[in-house]
PDB file of N, CA and C in Angstrom:
ATOM      1  N   MET A   1      17.413  23.961 -27.030  1.00  0.00           N
ATOM      2  CA  MET A   1      16.489  24.461 -26.027  1.00  0.00           C
ATOM      3  C   MET A   1      15.063  24.008 -26.315  1.00  0.00           C
ATOM      4  N   GLN A   2      14.692  23.930 -27.599  1.00  0.00           N
ATOM      5  CA  GLN A   2      13.337  23.521 -27.943  1.00  0.00           C
ATOM      6  C   GLN A   2      13.084  22.056 -27.566  1.00  0.00           C
ATOM      7  N   ILE A   3      14.089  21.218 -27.620  1.00  0.00           N
ATOM      8  CA  ILE A   3      13.943  19.807 -27.245  1.00  0.00           C
ATOM      9  C   ILE A   3      13.797  19.680 -25.737  1.00  0.00           C
ATOM     10  N   PHE A   4      14.447  20.522 -24.976  1.00  0.00           N
ATOM     11  CA  PHE A   4      14.426  20.457 -23.511  1.00  0.00           C
ATOM     12  C   PHE A   4      13.010  20.593 -22.948  1.00  0.00           C
ATOM     13  N   VAL A   5      12.217  21.503 -23.477  1.00  0.00           N
ATOM     14  CA  VAL A   5      10.862  21.739 -22.967  1.00  0.00           C
ATOM     15  C   VAL A   5       9.974  20.507 -23.151  1.00  0.00           C
ATOM     16  N   PRO A   6       9.893  19.892 -24.340  1.00  0.00           N
ATOM     17  CA  PRO A   6       9.056  18.700 -24.479  1.00  0.00           C
ATOM     18  C   PRO A   6       9.535  17.534 -23.609  1.00  0.00           C
ATOM     19  N   VAL A   7      10.840  17.357 -23.487  1.00  0.00           N
ATOM     20  CA  VAL A   7      11.370  16.277 -22.652  1.00  0.00           C
ATOM     21  C   VAL A   7      10.999  16.518 -21.195  1.00  0.00           C
ATOM     22  N   THR A   8      11.113  17.742 -20.734  1.00  0.00           N
ATOM     23  CA  THR A   8      10.743  18.080 -19.364  1.00  0.00           C
ATOM     24  C   THR A   8       9.255  17.844 -19.150  1.00  0.00           C
ATOM     25  N   LEU A   9       8.437  18.237 -20.100  1.00  0.00           N
ATOM     26  CA  LEU A   9       6.997  18.027 -20.007  1.00  0.00           C
ATOM     27  C   LEU A   9       6.676  16.537 -19.979  1.00  0.00           C
ATOM     28  N   MET A  10       7.340  15.759 -20.828  1.00  0.00           N
ATOM     29  CA  MET A  10       7.112  14.325 -20.869  1.00  0.00           C
ATOM     30  C   MET A  10       7.488  13.683 -19.526  1.00  0.00           C
ATOM     31  N   LEU A  11       8.599  14.081 -18.941  1.00  0.00           N
ATOM     32  CA  LEU A  11       9.011  13.551 -17.645  1.00  0.00           C
ATOM     33  C   LEU A  11       8.005  13.913 -16.560  1.00  0.00           C
ATOM     34  N   ALA A  12       7.458  15.102 -16.624  1.00  0.00           N
ATOM     35  CA  ALA A  12       6.449  15.513 -15.640  1.00  0.00           C
ATOM     36  C   ALA A  12       5.187  14.658 -15.780  1.00  0.00           C
ATOM     37  N   VAL A  13       4.766  14.371 -17.001  1.00  0.00           N
ATOM     38  CA  VAL A  13       3.582  13.534 -17.225  1.00  0.00           C
ATOM     39  C   VAL A  13       3.835  12.124 -16.717  1.00  0.00           C
ATOM     40  N   VAL A  14       5.008  11.567 -16.973  1.00  0.00           N
ATOM     41  CA  VAL A  14       5.347  10.230 -16.493  1.00  0.00           C
ATOM     42  C   VAL A  14       5.344  10.207 -14.966  1.00  0.00           C
ATOM     43  N   ALA A  15       5.884  11.227 -14.338  1.00  0.00           N
ATOM     44  CA  ALA A  15       5.913  11.286 -12.873  1.00  0.00           C
ATOM     45  C   ALA A  15       4.503  11.325 -12.298  1.00  0.00           C
ATOM     46  N   VAL A  16       3.625  12.117 -12.897  1.00  0.00           N
ATOM     47  CA  VAL A  16       2.238  12.192 -12.430  1.00  0.00           C
ATOM     48  C   VAL A  16       1.538  10.864 -12.671  1.00  0.00           C
ATOM     49  N   SER A  17       1.770  10.239 -13.803  1.00  0.00           N
ATOM     50  CA  SER A  17       1.154   8.948 -14.106  1.00  0.00           C
ATOM     51  C   SER A  17       1.607   7.893 -13.113  1.00  0.00           C
ATOM     52  N   ALA A  18       2.880   7.891 -12.761  1.00  0.00           N
ATOM     53  CA  ALA A  18       3.392   6.910 -11.803  1.00  0.00           C
ATOM     54  C   ALA A  18       2.754   7.126 -10.443  1.00  0.00           C
ATOM     55  N   THR A  19       2.591   8.364 -10.044  1.00  0.00           N
ATOM     56  CA  THR A  19       1.964   8.660  -8.766  1.00  0.00           C
ATOM     57  C   THR A  19       0.512   8.199  -8.766  1.00  0.00           C
ATOM     58  N   THR A  20      -0.188   8.444  -9.854  1.00  0.00           N
ATOM     59  CA  THR A  20      -1.578   8.022  -9.957  1.00  0.00           C
ATOM     60  C   THR A  20      -1.667   6.504  -9.940  1.00  0.00           C
ATOM     61  N   ALA A  21      -0.783   5.822 -10.643  1.00  0.00           N
ATOM     62  CA  ALA A  21      -0.806   4.362 -10.674  1.00  0.00           C
ATOM     63  C   ALA A  21      -0.542   3.795  -9.281  1.00  0.00           C
ATOM     64  N   ASP A  22       0.360   4.415  -8.548  1.00  0.00           N
ATOM     65  CA  ASP A  22       0.656   3.954  -7.195  1.00  0.00           C
ATOM     66  C   ASP A  22      -0.547   4.121  -6.279  1.00  0.00           C
ATOM     67  N   ALA A  23      -1.425   5.047  -6.609  1.00  0.00           N
ATOM     68  CA  ALA A  23      -2.553   5.354  -5.732  1.00  0.00           C
ATOM     69  C   ALA A  23      -3.739   4.412  -5.945  1.00  0.00           C
ATOM     70  N   VAL A  24      -3.651   3.503  -6.908  1.00  0.00           N
ATOM     71  CA  VAL A  24      -4.753   2.603  -7.199  1.00  0.00           C
ATOM     72  C   VAL A  24      -4.767   1.458  -6.193  1.00  0.00           C
ATOM     73  N   ILE A  25      -5.901   1.269  -5.553  1.00  0.00           N
ATOM     74  CA  ILE A  25      -6.091   0.148  -4.645  1.00  0.00           C
ATOM     75  C   ILE A  25      -7.040  -0.816  -5.356  1.00  0.00           C
ATOM     76  N   THR A  26      -6.619  -2.051  -5.524  1.00  0.00           N
ATOM     77  CA  THR A  26      -7.427  -3.019  -6.261  1.00  0.00           C
ATOM     78  C   THR A  26      -8.670  -3.427  -5.471  1.00  0.00           C
ATOM     79  N   GLU A  27      -9.644  -3.938  -6.198  1.00  0.00           N
ATOM     80  CA  GLU A  27     -10.859  -4.448  -5.551  1.00  0.00           C
ATOM     81  C   GLU A  27     -10.514  -5.626  -4.640  1.00  0.00           C
ATOM     82  N   ARG A  28      -9.519  -6.420  -5.044  1.00  0.00           N
ATOM     83  CA  ARG A  28      -9.111  -7.563  -4.212  1.00  0.00           C
ATOM     84  C   ARG A  28      -8.558  -7.089  -2.873  1.00  0.00           C
ATOM     85  N   VAL A  29      -7.775  -6.002  -2.888  1.00  0.00           N
ATOM     86  CA  VAL A  29      -7.253  -5.448  -1.630  1.00  0.00           C
ATOM     87  C   VAL A  29      -8.414  -4.904  -0.799  1.00  0.00           C
ATOM     88  N   LYS A  30      -9.318  -4.185  -1.439  1.00  0.00           N
ATOM     89  CA  LYS A  30     -10.462  -3.628  -0.710  1.00  0.00           C
ATOM     90  C   LYS A  30     -11.265  -4.728  -0.029  1.00  0.00           C
ATOM     91  N   THR A  31     -11.492  -5.812  -0.746  1.00  0.00           N
ATOM     92  CA  THR A  31     -12.267  -6.923  -0.187  1.00  0.00           C
ATOM     93  C   THR A  31     -11.503  -7.611   0.944  1.00  0.00           C
ATOM     94  N   ALA A  32     -10.239  -7.925   0.709  1.00  0.00           N
ATOM     95  CA  ALA A  32      -9.440  -8.662   1.695  1.00  0.00           C
ATOM     96  C   ALA A  32      -9.157  -7.850   2.954  1.00  0.00           C
ATOM     97  N   CYS A  33      -9.076  -6.536   2.822  1.00  0.00           N
ATOM     98  CA  CYS A  33      -8.681  -5.686   3.956  1.00  0.00           C
ATOM     99  C   CYS A  33      -9.841  -4.856   4.512  1.00  0.00           C
ATOM    100  N   ARG A  34     -11.051  -5.138   4.063  1.00  0.00           N
ATOM    101  CA  ARG A  34     -12.210  -4.336   4.471  1.00  0.00           C
ATOM    102  C   ARG A  34     -12.357  -4.278   5.994  1.00  0.00           C
ATOM    103  N   SER A  35     -12.303  -5.417   6.679  1.00  0.00           N
ATOM    104  CA  SER A  35     -12.517  -5.403   8.135  1.00  0.00           C
ATOM    105  C   SER A  35     -11.400  -4.655   8.856  1.00  0.00           C
ATOM    106  N   GLU A  36     -10.171  -4.786   8.377  1.00  0.00           N
ATOM    107  CA  GLU A  36      -9.054  -4.060   8.987  1.00  0.00           C
ATOM    108  C   GLU A  36      -9.211  -2.558   8.780  1.00  0.00           C
ATOM    109  N   TYR A  37      -9.635  -2.191   7.585  1.00  0.00           N
ATOM    110  CA  TYR A  37      -9.845  -0.778   7.289  1.00  0.00           C
ATOM    111  C   TYR A  37     -10.868  -0.182   8.261  1.00  0.00           C
ATOM    112  N   TYR A  38     -12.023  -0.848   8.399  1.00  0.00           N
ATOM    113  CA  TYR A  38     -13.062  -0.309   9.279  1.00  0.00           C
ATOM    114  C   TYR A  38     -12.677  -0.388  10.756  1.00  0.00           C
ATOM    115  N   ALA A  39     -11.930  -1.388  11.147  1.00  0.00           N
ATOM    116  CA  ALA A  39     -11.531  -1.527  12.545  1.00  0.00           C
ATOM    117  C   ALA A  39     -10.458  -0.520  12.953  1.00  0.00           C
ATOM    118  N   PHE A  40      -9.551  -0.181  12.029  1.00  0.00           N
ATOM    119  CA  PHE A  40      -8.388   0.610  12.437  1.00  0.00           C
ATOM    120  C   PHE A  40      -8.180   1.929  11.688  1.00  0.00           C
ATOM    121  N   CYS A  41      -8.585   2.010  10.445  1.00  0.00           N
ATOM    122  CA  CYS A  41      -8.120   3.123   9.615  1.00  0.00           C
ATOM    123  C   CYS A  41      -9.216   3.851   8.836  1.00  0.00           C
ATOM    124  N   SER A  42     -10.467   3.703   9.228  1.00  0.00           N
ATOM    125  CA  SER A  42     -11.559   4.276   8.435  1.00  0.00           C
ATOM    126  C   SER A  42     -11.583   5.809   8.430  1.00  0.00           C
ATOM    127  N   ALA A  43     -10.779   6.430   9.250  1.00  0.00           N
ATOM    128  CA  ALA A  43     -10.708   7.889   9.244  1.00  0.00           C
ATOM    129  C   ALA A  43      -9.934   8.417   8.026  1.00  0.00           C
ATOM    130  N   HIS A  44      -9.312   7.506   7.277  1.00  0.00           N
ATOM    131  CA  HIS A  44      -8.471   7.892   6.142  1.00  0.00           C
ATOM    132  C   HIS A  44      -9.145   7.540   4.821  1.00  0.00           C
ATOM    133  N   ALA A  45      -8.951   8.390   3.839  1.00  0.00           N
ATOM    134  CA  ALA A  45      -9.500   8.165   2.501  1.00  0.00           C
ATOM    135  C   ALA A  45      -8.781   7.008   1.811  1.00  0.00           C
ATOM    136  N   VAL A  46      -9.493   6.356   0.900  1.00  0.00           N
ATOM    137  CA  VAL A  46      -8.914   5.292   0.083  1.00  0.00           C
ATOM    138  C   VAL A  46      -8.724   5.841  -1.320  1.00  0.00           C
ATOM    139  N   PRO A  47      -7.569   5.844  -1.879  1.00  0.00           N
ATOM    140  CA  PRO A  47      -6.272   5.643  -1.264  1.00  0.00           C
ATOM    141  C   PRO A  47      -5.724   6.961  -0.738  1.00  0.00           C
ATOM    142  N   SER A  48      -4.837   6.884   0.209  1.00  0.00           N
ATOM    143  CA  SER A  48      -4.171   8.089   0.705  1.00  0.00           C
ATOM    144  C   SER A  48      -2.914   7.685   1.449  1.00  0.00           C
ATOM    145  N   ASP A  49      -2.024   8.639   1.590  1.00  0.00           N
ATOM    146  CA  ASP A  49      -0.808   8.382   2.365  1.00  0.00           C
ATOM    147  C   ASP A  49      -1.164   8.102   3.819  1.00  0.00           C
ATOM    148  N   GLY A  50      -2.207   8.772   4.321  1.00  0.00           N
ATOM    149  CA  GLY A  50      -2.647   8.545   5.693  1.00  0.00           C
ATOM    150  C   GLY A  50      -3.108   7.116   5.906  1.00  0.00           C
ATOM    151  N   LEU A  51      -3.820   6.564   4.925  1.00  0.00           N
ATOM    152  CA  LEU A  51      -4.274   5.174   5.019  1.00  0.00           C
ATOM    153  C   LEU A  51      -3.089   4.230   5.001  1.00  0.00           C
ATOM    154  N   ARG A  52      -2.156   4.469   4.109  1.00  0.00           N
ATOM    155  CA  ARG A  52      -0.966   3.606   4.055  1.00  0.00           C
ATOM    156  C   ARG A  52      -0.219   3.647   5.382  1.00  0.00           C
ATOM    157  N   SER A  53      -0.070   4.826   5.940  1.00  0.00           N
ATOM    158  CA  SER A  53       0.620   4.981   7.219  1.00  0.00           C
ATOM    159  C   SER A  53      -0.141   4.256   8.332  1.00  0.00           C
ATOM    160  N   CYS A  54      -1.450   4.403   8.346  1.00  0.00           N
ATOM    161  CA  CYS A  54      -2.270   3.748   9.360  1.00  0.00           C
ATOM    162  C   CYS A  54      -2.160   2.235   9.256  1.00  0.00           C
ATOM    163  N   MET A  55      -2.277   1.693   8.048  1.00  0.00           N
ATOM    164  CA  MET A  55      -2.203   0.240   7.866  1.00  0.00           C
ATOM    165  C   MET A  55      -0.825  -0.290   8.262  1.00  0.00           C
ATOM    166  N   ARG A  56       0.213   0.472   7.986  1.00  0.00           N
ATOM    167  CA  ARG A  56       1.551   0.053   8.431  1.00  0.00           C
ATOM    168  C   ARG A  56       1.637   0.067   9.950  1.00  0.00           C
ATOM    169  N   GLY A  57       0.960   0.991  10.570  1.00  0.00           N
ATOM    170  CA  GLY A  57       0.973   1.089  12.025  1.00  0.00           C
ATOM    171  C   GLY A  57       0.278  -0.071  12.707  1.00  0.00           C
ATOM    172  N   VAL A  58      -0.666  -0.698  12.010  1.00  0.00           N
ATOM    173  CA  VAL A  58      -1.408  -1.829  12.595  1.00  0.00           C
ATOM    174  C   VAL A  58      -1.061  -3.138  11.888  1.00  0.00           C
ATOM    175  N   GLN A  59       0.071  -3.158  11.225  1.00  0.00           N
ATOM    176  CA  GLN A  59       0.429  -4.306  10.393  1.00  0.00           C
ATOM    177  C   GLN A  59       0.409  -5.632  11.138  1.00  0.00           C
ATOM    178  N   ASP A  60       0.696  -5.641  12.412  1.00  0.00           N
ATOM    179  CA  ASP A  60       0.688  -6.897  13.162  1.00  0.00           C
ATOM    180  C   ASP A  60      -0.727  -7.404  13.415  1.00  0.00           C
ATOM    181  N   GLN A  61      -1.720  -6.584  13.109  1.00  0.00           N
ATOM    182  CA  GLN A  61      -3.111  -6.984  13.315  1.00  0.00           C
ATOM    183  C   GLN A  61      -3.828  -7.279  11.991  1.00  0.00           C
ATOM    184  N   LEU A  62      -3.109  -7.206  10.888  1.00  0.00           N
ATOM    185  CA  LEU A  62      -3.715  -7.485   9.590  1.00  0.00           C
ATOM    186  C   LEU A  62      -3.839  -8.989   9.378  1.00  0.00           C
ATOM    187  N   SER A  63      -4.919  -9.399   8.751  1.00  0.00           N
ATOM    188  CA  SER A  63      -5.136 -10.819   8.483  1.00  0.00           C
ATOM    189  C   SER A  63      -4.172 -11.308   7.402  1.00  0.00           C
ATOM    190  N   PRO A  64      -3.909 -12.605   7.400  1.00  0.00           N
ATOM    191  CA  PRO A  64      -3.056 -13.156   6.333  1.00  0.00           C
ATOM    192  C   PRO A  64      -3.608 -12.874   4.937  1.00  0.00           C
ATOM    193  N   GLY A  65      -4.928 -12.919   4.765  1.00  0.00           N
ATOM    194  CA  GLY A  65      -5.525 -12.631   3.455  1.00  0.00           C
ATOM    195  C   GLY A  65      -5.291 -11.201   3.025  1.00  0.00           C
ATOM    196  N   CYS A  66      -5.402 -10.279   3.959  1.00  0.00           N
ATOM    197  CA  CYS A  66      -5.154  -8.869   3.666  1.00  0.00           C
ATOM    198  C   CYS A  66      -3.691  -8.679   3.276  1.00  0.00           C
ATOM    199  N   LEU A  67      -2.788  -9.250   4.059  1.00  0.00           N
ATOM    200  CA  LEU A  67      -1.361  -9.132   3.747  1.00  0.00           C
ATOM    201  C   LEU A  67      -1.047  -9.709   2.370  1.00  0.00           C
ATOM    202  N   LYS A  68      -1.628 -10.856   2.054  1.00  0.00           N
ATOM    203  CA  LYS A  68      -1.381 -11.498   0.765  1.00  0.00           C
ATOM    204  C   LYS A  68      -1.777 -10.566  -0.381  1.00  0.00           C
ATOM    205  N   GLU A  69      -2.941  -9.950  -0.274  1.00  0.00           N
ATOM    206  CA  GLU A  69      -3.400  -9.054  -1.342  1.00  0.00           C
ATOM    207  C   GLU A  69      -2.585  -7.766  -1.391  1.00  0.00           C
ATOM    208  N   LEU A  70      -2.133  -7.272  -0.233  1.00  0.00           N
ATOM    209  CA  LEU A  70      -1.277  -6.085  -0.223  1.00  0.00           C
ATOM    210  C   LEU A  70       0.056  -6.377  -0.903  1.00  0.00           C
ATOM    211  N   VAL A  71       0.588  -7.579  -0.710  1.00  0.00           N
ATOM    212  CA  VAL A  71       1.818  -7.980  -1.399  1.00  0.00           C
ATOM    213  C   VAL A  71       1.554  -8.063  -2.900  1.00  0.00           C
ATOM    214  N   ALA A  72       0.464  -8.723  -3.290  1.00  0.00           N
ATOM    215  CA  ALA A  72       0.140  -8.872  -4.711  1.00  0.00           C
ATOM    216  C   ALA A  72      -0.035  -7.520  -5.398  1.00  0.00           C
ATOM    217  N   ALA A  73      -0.552  -6.538  -4.660  1.00  0.00           N
ATOM    218  CA  ALA A  73      -0.770  -5.200  -5.224  1.00  0.00           C
ATOM    219  C   ALA A  73       0.484  -4.334  -5.176  1.00  0.00           C
ATOM    220  N   GLY A  74       1.543  -4.840  -4.557  1.00  0.00           N
ATOM    221  CA  GLY A  74       2.782  -4.070  -4.465  1.00  0.00           C
ATOM    222  C   GLY A  74       2.786  -3.052  -3.341  1.00  0.00           C
ATOM    223  N   GLU A  75       1.815  -3.125  -2.449  1.00  0.00           N
ATOM    224  CA  GLU A  75       1.733  -2.191  -1.320  1.00  0.00           C
ATOM    225  C   GLU A  75       2.649  -2.610  -0.171  1.00  0.00           C
ATOM    226  N   VAL A  76       2.932  -3.906  -0.085  1.00  0.00           N
ATOM    227  CA  VAL A  76       3.776  -4.448   0.982  1.00  0.00           C
ATOM    228  C   VAL A  76       4.778  -5.392   0.326  1.00  0.00           C
ATOM    229  N   SER A  77       6.019  -5.341   0.793  1.00  0.00           N
ATOM    230  CA  SER A  77       7.035  -6.227   0.223  1.00  0.00           C
ATOM    231  C   SER A  77       7.011  -7.584   0.915  1.00  0.00           C
ATOM    232  N   LYS A  78       7.538  -8.571   0.231  1.00  0.00           N
ATOM    233  CA  LYS A  78       7.641  -9.904   0.832  1.00  0.00           C
ATOM    234  C   LYS A  78       8.552  -9.859   2.058  1.00  0.00           C
ATOM    235  N   GLU A  79       9.532  -8.990   2.046  1.00  0.00           N
ATOM    236  CA  GLU A  79      10.426  -8.832   3.201  1.00  0.00           C
ATOM    237  C   GLU A  79       9.657  -8.328   4.417  1.00  0.00           C
ATOM    238  N   GLU A  80       8.737  -7.394   4.201  1.00  0.00           N
ATOM    239  CA  GLU A  80       7.913  -6.893   5.309  1.00  0.00           C
ATOM    240  C   GLU A  80       7.039  -8.009   5.878  1.00  0.00           C
ATOM    241  N   VAL A  81       6.517  -8.878   5.009  1.00  0.00           N
ATOM    242  CA  VAL A  81       5.702 -10.001   5.467  1.00  0.00           C
ATOM    243  C   VAL A  81       6.568 -10.985   6.243  1.00  0.00           C
ATOM    244  N   ARG A  82       7.794 -11.194   5.794  1.00  0.00           N
ATOM    245  CA  ARG A  82       8.709 -12.095   6.506  1.00  0.00           C
ATOM    246  C   ARG A  82       8.955 -11.569   7.920  1.00  0.00           C
ATOM    247  N   LYS A  83       9.176 -10.282   8.057  1.00  0.00           N
ATOM    248  CA  LYS A  83       9.385  -9.685   9.374  1.00  0.00           C
ATOM    249  C   LYS A  83       8.117  -9.795  10.225  1.00  0.00           C
ATOM    250  N   TYR A  84       6.975  -9.586   9.601  1.00  0.00           N
ATOM    251  CA  TYR A  84       5.687  -9.724  10.291  1.00  0.00           C
ATOM    252  C   TYR A  84       5.534 -11.148  10.822  1.00  0.00           C
ATOM    253  N   SER A  85       5.822 -12.121   9.973  1.00  0.00           N
ATOM    254  CA  SER A  85       5.694 -13.529  10.383  1.00  0.00           C
ATOM    255  C   SER A  85       6.626 -13.854  11.537  1.00  0.00           C
ATOM    256  N   ALA A  86       7.834 -13.325  11.498  1.00  0.00           N
ATOM    257  CA  ALA A  86       8.789 -13.558  12.585  1.00  0.00           C
ATOM    258  C   ALA A  86       8.268 -12.962  13.893  1.00  0.00           C
ATOM    259  N   ARG A  87       7.655 -11.789  13.822  1.00  0.00           N
ATOM    260  CA  ARG A  87       7.094 -11.174  15.035  1.00  0.00           C
ATOM    261  C   ARG A  87       5.926 -12.003  15.562  1.00  0.00           C
ATOM    262  N   GLN A  88       5.120 -12.542  14.653  1.00  0.00           N
ATOM    263  CA  GLN A  88       3.978 -13.359  15.060  1.00  0.00           C
ATOM    264  C   GLN A  88       4.435 -14.613  15.795  1.00  0.00           C
ATOM    265  N   VAL A  89       5.472 -15.258  15.281  1.00  0.00           N
ATOM    266  CA  VAL A  89       6.003 -16.462  15.914  1.00  0.00           C
ATOM    267  C   VAL A  89       6.546 -16.119  17.296  1.00  0.00           C
ATOM    268  N   LYS A  90       7.265 -15.007  17.387  1.00  0.00           N
ATOM    269  CA  LYS A  90       7.814 -14.567  18.688  1.00  0.00           C
ATOM    270  C   LYS A  90       6.710 -14.298  19.703  1.00  0.00           C
ATOM    271  N   SER A  91       5.656 -13.648  19.254  1.00  0.00           N
ATOM    272  CA  SER A  91       4.576 -13.281  20.197  1.00  0.00           C
ATOM    273  C   SER A  91       3.780 -14.496  20.670  1.00  0.00           C
ATOM    274  N   GLN A  92       3.842 -15.594  19.934  1.00  0.00           N
ATOM    275  CA  GLN A  92       3.117 -16.800  20.318  1.00  0.00           C
ATOM    276  C   GLN A  92       3.889 -17.642  21.333  1.00  0.00           C
ATOM    277  N   ARG A  93       5.127 -17.302  21.558  1.00  0.00           N
ATOM    278  CA  ARG A  93       5.955 -18.066  22.517  1.00  0.00           C
ATOM    279  C   ARG A  93       5.670 -17.683  23.915  1.00  0.00           C
TER     280      ARG A  93
END
């Protein structure tokens, strides 16, 4: 029983640390996505779930530079960018 409490505490600290790490927005993302943030999502705090939701909602309007930095930061998957690119090609037809 004495081992259970420290292990549980350690798992809780790791979970909080992972959440905090996920909440970090790099300076490169801030710079690359600044105009999109102010144009579409400035009502949301950086970082926040609301901002992530807003940026996903306007993903077809994000610049290639912004998308590139979001991928590099782990905020957007390469698969999501592939789908975005396919939609862009379709809309240009």
